[in-house]
Amino acid sequence: MAGEKKFDYYDVAEAVKKCLEQVNASYIEILITPLRSGYRVEIYPQQTRQLLEMLARCVSRLLEAGTEMKECPYGVTLVVKR
């Protein structure tokens, strides 16, 4: 697939941390879970939806990847698509 940028777990972790610093968000823990379609990113404590949207745009720009927000019973998570 021409033009696609490859990224892995460590690239996602680095991009998320960099983007959290850019928006001055405090966090205690970042959980990144591999999925077939990409990676699920959970940030604790839960962030506001507005902050997660800013984070999604930032991560998408850094990794040149698609992102989406998923509603879960315990809150909203970010999915970075391969």
PDB file of N, CA and C in Angstrom:
ATOM      1  N   MET A   1       0.828  -1.170   0.000  1.00  0.00           N
ATOM      2  CA  MET A   1       0.000   0.000   0.000  1.00  0.00           C
ATOM      3  C   MET A   1       0.876   1.238   0.000  1.00  0.00           C
ATOM      4  N   ALA A   2       1.005   1.820  -1.128  1.00  0.00           N
ATOM      5  CA  ALA A   2       1.890   2.973  -1.290  1.00  0.00           C
ATOM      6  C   ALA A   2       1.390   4.166  -0.496  1.00  0.00           C
ATOM      7  N   GLY A   3       2.333   4.886   0.082  1.00  0.00           N
ATOM      8  CA  GLY A   3       1.997   6.108   0.790  1.00  0.00           C
ATOM      9  C   GLY A   3       1.635   5.920   2.249  1.00  0.00           C
ATOM     10  N   GLU A   4       1.395   4.678   2.682  1.00  0.00           N
ATOM     11  CA  GLU A   4       1.048   4.448   4.073  1.00  0.00           C
ATOM     12  C   GLU A   4       2.297   4.452   4.928  1.00  0.00           C
ATOM     13  N   LYS A   5       2.199   5.119   6.057  1.00  0.00           N
ATOM     14  CA  LYS A   5       3.311   5.147   6.994  1.00  0.00           C
ATOM     15  C   LYS A   5       3.106   4.020   8.003  1.00  0.00           C
ATOM     16  N   LYS A   6       4.124   3.221   8.208  1.00  0.00           N
ATOM     17  CA  LYS A   6       4.047   2.137   9.185  1.00  0.00           C
ATOM     18  C   LYS A   6       4.368   2.684  10.567  1.00  0.00           C
ATOM     19  N   PHE A   7       3.637   2.225  11.570  1.00  0.00           N
ATOM     20  CA  PHE A   7       3.934   2.607  12.944  1.00  0.00           C
ATOM     21  C   PHE A   7       3.613   1.432  13.851  1.00  0.00           C
ATOM     22  N   ASP A   8       4.237   1.422  15.027  1.00  0.00           N
ATOM     23  CA  ASP A   8       4.020   0.342  15.977  1.00  0.00           C
ATOM     24  C   ASP A   8       3.631   0.918  17.340  1.00  0.00           C
ATOM     25  N   TYR A   9       3.559   0.031  18.326  1.00  0.00           N
ATOM     26  CA  TYR A   9       3.160   0.397  19.687  1.00  0.00           C
ATOM     27  C   TYR A   9       3.989   1.564  20.218  1.00  0.00           C
ATOM     28  N   TYR A  10       5.290   1.504  20.020  1.00  0.00           N
ATOM     29  CA  TYR A  10       6.179   2.536  20.565  1.00  0.00           C
ATOM     30  C   TYR A  10       5.968   3.883  19.879  1.00  0.00           C
ATOM     31  N   ASP A  11       5.691   3.861  18.592  1.00  0.00           N
ATOM     32  CA  ASP A  11       5.389   5.102  17.873  1.00  0.00           C
ATOM     33  C   ASP A  11       4.109   5.736  18.412  1.00  0.00           C
ATOM     34  N   VAL A  12       3.096   4.898  18.677  1.00  0.00           N
ATOM     35  CA  VAL A  12       1.831   5.398  19.226  1.00  0.00           C
ATOM     36  C   VAL A  12       2.065   5.994  20.609  1.00  0.00           C
ATOM     37  N   ALA A  13       2.816   5.284  21.458  1.00  0.00           N
ATOM     38  CA  ALA A  13       3.091   5.778  22.810  1.00  0.00           C
ATOM     39  C   ALA A  13       3.817   7.118  22.767  1.00  0.00           C
ATOM     40  N   GLU A  14       4.809   7.231  21.918  1.00  0.00           N
ATOM     41  CA  GLU A  14       5.581   8.469  21.802  1.00  0.00           C
ATOM     42  C   GLU A  14       4.698   9.618  21.303  1.00  0.00           C
ATOM     43  N   ALA A  15       3.873   9.344  20.302  1.00  0.00           N
ATOM     44  CA  ALA A  15       2.989  10.381  19.756  1.00  0.00           C
ATOM     45  C   ALA A  15       1.974  10.840  20.797  1.00  0.00           C
ATOM     46  N   VAL A  16       1.393   9.907  21.541  1.00  0.00           N
ATOM     47  CA  VAL A  16       0.402  10.263  22.563  1.00  0.00           C
ATOM     48  C   VAL A  16       1.044  11.121  23.646  1.00  0.00           C
ATOM     49  N   LYS A  17       2.216  10.729  24.120  1.00  0.00           N
ATOM     50  CA  LYS A  17       2.899  11.514  25.158  1.00  0.00           C
ATOM     51  C   LYS A  17       3.246  12.913  24.655  1.00  0.00           C
ATOM     52  N   LYS A  18       3.746  13.004  23.433  1.00  0.00           N
ATOM     53  CA  LYS A  18       4.097  14.303  22.860  1.00  0.00           C
ATOM     54  C   LYS A  18       2.855  15.190  22.746  1.00  0.00           C
ATOM     55  N   CYS A  19       1.749  14.608  22.302  1.00  0.00           N
ATOM     56  CA  CYS A  19       0.516  15.383  22.143  1.00  0.00           C
ATOM     57  C   CYS A  19      -0.070  15.792  23.492  1.00  0.00           C
ATOM     58  N   LEU A  20       0.023  14.933  24.493  1.00  0.00           N
ATOM     59  CA  LEU A  20      -0.459  15.299  25.829  1.00  0.00           C
ATOM     60  C   LEU A  20       0.338  16.473  26.382  1.00  0.00           C
ATOM     61  N   GLU A  21       1.641  16.487  26.127  1.00  0.00           N
ATOM     62  CA  GLU A  21       2.476  17.612  26.558  1.00  0.00           C
ATOM     63  C   GLU A  21       2.065  18.893  25.839  1.00  0.00           C
ATOM     64  N   GLN A  22       1.760  18.797  24.557  1.00  0.00           N
ATOM     65  CA  GLN A  22       1.382  19.975  23.771  1.00  0.00           C
ATOM     66  C   GLN A  22       0.101  20.624  24.280  1.00  0.00           C
ATOM     67  N   VAL A  23      -0.837  19.824  24.772  1.00  0.00           N
ATOM     68  CA  VAL A  23      -2.108  20.376  25.256  1.00  0.00           C
ATOM     69  C   VAL A  23      -2.105  20.560  26.775  1.00  0.00           C
ATOM     70  N   ASN A  24      -0.948  20.378  27.395  1.00  0.00           N
ATOM     71  CA  ASN A  24      -0.787  20.552  28.849  1.00  0.00           C
ATOM     72  C   ASN A  24      -1.753  19.701  29.662  1.00  0.00           C
ATOM     73  N   ALA A  25      -1.946  18.462  29.257  1.00  0.00           N
ATOM     74  CA  ALA A  25      -2.835  17.554  29.975  1.00  0.00           C
ATOM     75  C   ALA A  25      -2.030  16.731  30.969  1.00  0.00           C
ATOM     76  N   SER A  26      -2.556  16.612  32.162  1.00  0.00           N
ATOM     77  CA  SER A  26      -1.886  15.765  33.150  1.00  0.00           C
ATOM     78  C   SER A  26      -2.510  14.367  33.082  1.00  0.00           C
ATOM     79  N   TYR A  27      -1.699  13.373  33.316  1.00  0.00           N
ATOM     80  CA  TYR A  27      -2.182  12.001  33.283  1.00  0.00           C
ATOM     81  C   TYR A  27      -1.363  11.173  34.258  1.00  0.00           C
ATOM     82  N   ILE A  28      -1.940  10.086  34.692  1.00  0.00           N
ATOM     83  CA  ILE A  28      -1.249   9.169  35.593  1.00  0.00           C
ATOM     84  C   ILE A  28      -0.786   7.942  34.823  1.00  0.00           C
ATOM     85  N   GLU A  29      -1.636   7.496  33.899  1.00  0.00           N
ATOM     86  CA  GLU A  29      -1.339   6.254  33.190  1.00  0.00           C
ATOM     87  C   GLU A  29      -1.890   6.314  31.765  1.00  0.00           C
ATOM     88  N   ILE A  30      -1.150   5.737  30.843  1.00  0.00           N
ATOM     89  CA  ILE A  30      -1.602   5.581  29.460  1.00  0.00           C
ATOM     90  C   ILE A  30      -1.570   4.085  29.156  1.00  0.00           C
ATOM     91  N   LEU A  31      -2.719   3.539  28.773  1.00  0.00           N
ATOM     92  CA  LEU A  31      -2.792   2.133  28.390  1.00  0.00           C
ATOM     93  C   LEU A  31      -2.985   2.053  26.884  1.00  0.00           C
ATOM     94  N   ILE A  32      -2.139   1.293  26.214  1.00  0.00           N
ATOM     95  CA  ILE A  32      -2.240   1.115  24.765  1.00  0.00           C
ATOM     96  C   ILE A  32      -2.424  -0.373  24.503  1.00  0.00           C
ATOM     97  N   THR A  33      -3.545  -0.710  23.876  1.00  0.00           N
ATOM     98  CA  THR A  33      -3.887  -2.097  23.611  1.00  0.00           C
ATOM     99  C   THR A  33      -3.893  -2.344  22.108  1.00  0.00           C
ATOM    100  N   PRO A  34      -3.123  -3.330  21.630  1.00  0.00           N
ATOM    101  CA  PRO A  34      -3.150  -3.642  20.195  1.00  0.00           C
ATOM    102  C   PRO A  34      -4.509  -4.221  19.790  1.00  0.00           C
ATOM    103  N   LEU A  35      -5.008  -3.788  18.657  1.00  0.00           N
ATOM    104  CA  LEU A  35      -6.233  -4.309  18.059  1.00  0.00           C
ATOM    105  C   LEU A  35      -5.910  -4.748  16.636  1.00  0.00           C
ATOM    106  N   ARG A  36      -6.791  -5.499  16.017  1.00  0.00           N
ATOM    107  CA  ARG A  36      -6.565  -5.873  14.616  1.00  0.00           C
ATOM    108  C   ARG A  36      -6.479  -4.645  13.725  1.00  0.00           C
ATOM    109  N   SER A  37      -7.314  -3.655  14.055  1.00  0.00           N
ATOM    110  CA  SER A  37      -7.404  -2.468  13.199  1.00  0.00           C
ATOM    111  C   SER A  37      -6.456  -1.349  13.613  1.00  0.00           C
ATOM    112  N   GLY A  38      -5.719  -1.524  14.709  1.00  0.00           N
ATOM    113  CA  GLY A  38      -4.809  -0.473  15.181  1.00  0.00           C
ATOM    114  C   GLY A  38      -4.505  -0.611  16.662  1.00  0.00           C
ATOM    115  N   TYR A  39      -4.671   0.489  17.404  1.00  0.00           N
ATOM    116  CA  TYR A  39      -4.370   0.500  18.837  1.00  0.00           C
ATOM    117  C   TYR A  39      -5.436   1.295  19.582  1.00  0.00           C
ATOM    118  N   ARG A  40      -5.886   0.755  20.724  1.00  0.00           N
ATOM    119  CA  ARG A  40      -6.796   1.490  21.599  1.00  0.00           C
ATOM    120  C   ARG A  40      -5.945   2.214  22.626  1.00  0.00           C
ATOM    121  N   VAL A  41      -6.223   3.498  22.822  1.00  0.00           N
ATOM    122  CA  VAL A  41      -5.472   4.318  23.769  1.00  0.00           C
ATOM    123  C   VAL A  41      -6.421   4.781  24.866  1.00  0.00           C
ATOM    124  N   GLU A  42      -6.095   4.440  26.112  1.00  0.00           N
ATOM    125  CA  GLU A  42      -6.876   4.887  27.260  1.00  0.00           C
ATOM    126  C   GLU A  42      -5.962   5.720  28.140  1.00  0.00           C
ATOM    127  N   ILE A  43      -6.473   6.847  28.594  1.00  0.00           N
ATOM    128  CA  ILE A  43      -5.684   7.766  29.413  1.00  0.00           C
ATOM    129  C   ILE A  43      -6.394   7.935  30.747  1.00  0.00           C
ATOM    130  N   TYR A  44      -5.665   7.762  31.830  1.00  0.00           N
ATOM    131  CA  TYR A  44      -6.232   7.918  33.176  1.00  0.00           C
ATOM    132  C   TYR A  44      -5.491   9.001  33.921  1.00  0.00           C
ATOM    133  N   PRO A  45      -6.177   9.858  34.650  1.00  0.00           N
ATOM    134  CA  PRO A  45      -7.630   9.906  34.769  1.00  0.00           C
ATOM    135  C   PRO A  45      -8.269  10.298  33.442  1.00  0.00           C
ATOM    136  N   GLN A  46      -9.557   9.965  33.292  1.00  0.00           N
ATOM    137  CA  GLN A  46     -10.292  10.265  32.057  1.00  0.00           C
ATOM    138  C   GLN A  46     -10.180  11.739  31.710  1.00  0.00           C
ATOM    139  N   GLN A  47      -9.962  12.025  30.455  1.00  0.00           N
ATOM    140  CA  GLN A  47      -9.851  13.399  29.965  1.00  0.00           C
ATOM    141  C   GLN A  47     -11.202  13.852  29.403  1.00  0.00           C
ATOM    142  N   THR A  48     -11.363  15.148  29.240  1.00  0.00           N
ATOM    143  CA  THR A  48     -12.601  15.665  28.654  1.00  0.00           C
ATOM    144  C   THR A  48     -12.671  15.277  27.182  1.00  0.00           C
ATOM    145  N   ARG A  49     -13.871  15.252  26.666  1.00  0.00           N
ATOM    146  CA  ARG A  49     -14.054  14.894  25.256  1.00  0.00           C
ATOM    147  C   ARG A  49     -13.327  15.897  24.352  1.00  0.00           C
ATOM    148  N   GLN A  50     -13.377  17.173  24.704  1.00  0.00           N
ATOM    149  CA  GLN A  50     -12.712  18.210  23.906  1.00  0.00           C
ATOM    150  C   GLN A  50     -11.204  17.953  23.856  1.00  0.00           C
ATOM    151  N   LEU A  51     -10.619  17.602  24.987  1.00  0.00           N
ATOM    152  CA  LEU A  51      -9.185  17.334  25.021  1.00  0.00           C
ATOM    153  C   LEU A  51      -8.849  16.082  24.206  1.00  0.00           C
ATOM    154  N   LEU A  52      -9.700  15.063  24.302  1.00  0.00           N
ATOM    155  CA  LEU A  52      -9.465  13.843  23.523  1.00  0.00           C
ATOM    156  C   LEU A  52      -9.558  14.115  22.023  1.00  0.00           C
ATOM    157  N   GLU A  53     -10.458  15.008  21.624  1.00  0.00           N
ATOM    158  CA  GLU A  53     -10.555  15.363  20.205  1.00  0.00           C
ATOM    159  C   GLU A  53      -9.287  16.076  19.734  1.00  0.00           C
ATOM    160  N   MET A  54      -8.758  16.972  20.565  1.00  0.00           N
ATOM    161  CA  MET A  54      -7.502  17.653  20.226  1.00  0.00           C
ATOM    162  C   MET A  54      -6.367  16.642  20.149  1.00  0.00           C
ATOM    163  N   LEU A  55      -6.349  15.697  21.092  1.00  0.00           N
ATOM    164  CA  LEU A  55      -5.332  14.650  21.112  1.00  0.00           C
ATOM    165  C   LEU A  55      -5.433  13.787  19.850  1.00  0.00           C
ATOM    166  N   ALA A  56      -6.646  13.436  19.458  1.00  0.00           N
ATOM    167  CA  ALA A  56      -6.854  12.612  18.264  1.00  0.00           C
ATOM    168  C   ALA A  56      -6.308  13.305  17.021  1.00  0.00           C
ATOM    169  N   ARG A  57      -6.571  14.597  16.876  1.00  0.00           N
ATOM    170  CA  ARG A  57      -6.059  15.339  15.713  1.00  0.00           C
ATOM    171  C   ARG A  57      -4.535  15.375  15.720  1.00  0.00           C
ATOM    172  N   CYS A  58      -3.954  15.599  16.892  1.00  0.00           N
ATOM    173  CA  CYS A  58      -2.499  15.680  17.016  1.00  0.00           C
ATOM    174  C   CYS A  58      -1.848  14.331  16.673  1.00  0.00           C
ATOM    175  N   VAL A  59      -2.362  13.251  17.250  1.00  0.00           N
ATOM    176  CA  VAL A  59      -1.810  11.913  16.998  1.00  0.00           C
ATOM    177  C   VAL A  59      -1.969  11.552  15.521  1.00  0.00           C
ATOM    178  N   SER A  60      -3.112  11.874  14.956  1.00  0.00           N
ATOM    179  CA  SER A  60      -3.360  11.601  13.544  1.00  0.00           C
ATOM    180  C   SER A  60      -2.341  12.314  12.664  1.00  0.00           C
ATOM    181  N   ARG A  61      -2.050  13.553  13.002  1.00  0.00           N
ATOM    182  CA  ARG A  61      -1.083  14.343  12.231  1.00  0.00           C
ATOM    183  C   ARG A  61       0.329  13.768  12.371  1.00  0.00           C
ATOM    184  N   LEU A  62       0.731  13.399  13.588  1.00  0.00           N
ATOM    185  CA  LEU A  62       2.086  12.883  13.810  1.00  0.00           C
ATOM    186  C   LEU A  62       2.309  11.520  13.153  1.00  0.00           C
ATOM    187  N   LEU A  63       1.315  10.644  13.252  1.00  0.00           N
ATOM    188  CA  LEU A  63       1.474   9.282  12.732  1.00  0.00           C
ATOM    189  C   LEU A  63       0.965   9.124  11.302  1.00  0.00           C
ATOM    190  N   GLU A  64       0.335  10.171  10.782  1.00  0.00           N
ATOM    191  CA  GLU A  64      -0.297  10.084   9.463  1.00  0.00           C
ATOM    192  C   GLU A  64      -1.237   8.883   9.427  1.00  0.00           C
ATOM    193  N   ALA A  65      -2.091   8.793  10.453  1.00  0.00           N
ATOM    194  CA  ALA A  65      -3.010   7.668  10.606  1.00  0.00           C
ATOM    195  C   ALA A  65      -4.395   8.188  10.953  1.00  0.00           C
ATOM    196  N   GLY A  66      -5.387   7.359  10.715  1.00  0.00           N
ATOM    197  CA  GLY A  66      -6.747   7.712  11.095  1.00  0.00           C
ATOM    198  C   GLY A  66      -6.961   7.473  12.584  1.00  0.00           C
ATOM    199  N   THR A  67      -7.852   8.255  13.173  1.00  0.00           N
ATOM    200  CA  THR A  67      -8.207   8.065  14.575  1.00  0.00           C
ATOM    201  C   THR A  67      -9.719   8.143  14.710  1.00  0.00           C
ATOM    202  N   GLU A  68     -10.238   7.548  15.763  1.00  0.00           N
ATOM    203  CA  GLU A  68     -11.656   7.688  16.065  1.00  0.00           C
ATOM    204  C   GLU A  68     -11.870   7.572  17.569  1.00  0.00           C
ATOM    205  N   MET A  69     -12.961   8.152  18.026  1.00  0.00           N
ATOM    206  CA  MET A  69     -13.321   8.099  19.435  1.00  0.00           C
ATOM    207  C   MET A  69     -14.361   6.994  19.594  1.00  0.00           C
ATOM    208  N   LYS A  70     -14.193   6.159  20.612  1.00  0.00           N
ATOM    209  CA  LYS A  70     -15.132   5.072  20.869  1.00  0.00           C
ATOM    210  C   LYS A  70     -15.733   5.258  22.253  1.00  0.00           C
ATOM    211  N   GLU A  71     -17.058   5.161  22.329  1.00  0.00           N
ATOM    212  CA  GLU A  71     -17.749   5.203  23.612  1.00  0.00           C
ATOM    213  C   GLU A  71     -17.654   3.815  24.240  1.00  0.00           C
ATOM    214  N   CYS A  72     -17.249   3.775  25.497  1.00  0.00           N
ATOM    215  CA  CYS A  72     -17.174   2.530  26.248  1.00  0.00           C
ATOM    216  C   CYS A  72     -17.966   2.721  27.540  1.00  0.00           C
ATOM    217  N   PRO A  73     -18.332   1.647  28.219  1.00  0.00           N
ATOM    218  CA  PRO A  73     -19.084   1.799  29.472  1.00  0.00           C
ATOM    219  C   PRO A  73     -18.345   2.650  30.510  1.00  0.00           C
ATOM    220  N   TYR A  74     -17.039   2.649  30.472  1.00  0.00           N
ATOM    221  CA  TYR A  74     -16.250   3.369  31.470  1.00  0.00           C
ATOM    222  C   TYR A  74     -15.745   4.717  30.972  1.00  0.00           C
ATOM    223  N   GLY A  75     -16.122   5.133  29.764  1.00  0.00           N
ATOM    224  CA  GLY A  75     -15.683   6.430  29.252  1.00  0.00           C
ATOM    225  C   GLY A  75     -15.428   6.392  27.758  1.00  0.00           C
ATOM    226  N   VAL A  76     -14.659   7.346  27.293  1.00  0.00           N
ATOM    227  CA  VAL A  76     -14.345   7.462  25.870  1.00  0.00           C
ATOM    228  C   VAL A  76     -12.891   7.070  25.660  1.00  0.00           C
ATOM    229  N   THR A  77     -12.635   6.251  24.646  1.00  0.00           N
ATOM    230  CA  THR A  77     -11.261   5.879  24.317  1.00  0.00           C
ATOM    231  C   THR A  77     -10.941   6.346  22.902  1.00  0.00           C
ATOM    232  N   LEU A  78      -9.675   6.423  22.623  1.00  0.00           N
ATOM    233  CA  LEU A  78      -9.181   6.836  21.316  1.00  0.00           C
ATOM    234  C   LEU A  78      -8.654   5.594  20.607  1.00  0.00           C
ATOM    235  N   VAL A  79      -9.028   5.410  19.346  1.00  0.00           N
ATOM    236  CA  VAL A  79      -8.511   4.300  18.551  1.00  0.00           C
ATOM    237  C   VAL A  79      -7.680   4.881  17.420  1.00  0.00           C
ATOM    238  N   VAL A  80      -6.415   4.445  17.337  1.00  0.00           N
ATOM    239  CA  VAL A  80      -5.516   4.851  16.257  1.00  0.00           C
ATOM    240  C   VAL A  80      -5.533   3.712  15.250  1.00  0.00           C
ATOM    241  N   LYS A  81      -5.969   4.010  14.033  1.00  0.00           N
ATOM    242  CA  LYS A  81      -6.131   2.969  13.010  1.00  0.00           C
ATOM    243  C   LYS A  81      -4.861   2.785  12.199  1.00  0.00           C
ATOM    244  N   ARG A  82      -4.577   1.537  11.866  1.00  0.00           N
ATOM    245  CA  ARG A  82      -3.428   1.217  11.008  1.00  0.00           C
ATOM    246  C   ARG A  82      -3.733   1.583   9.580  1.00  0.00           C
TER     247      ARG A  82
END
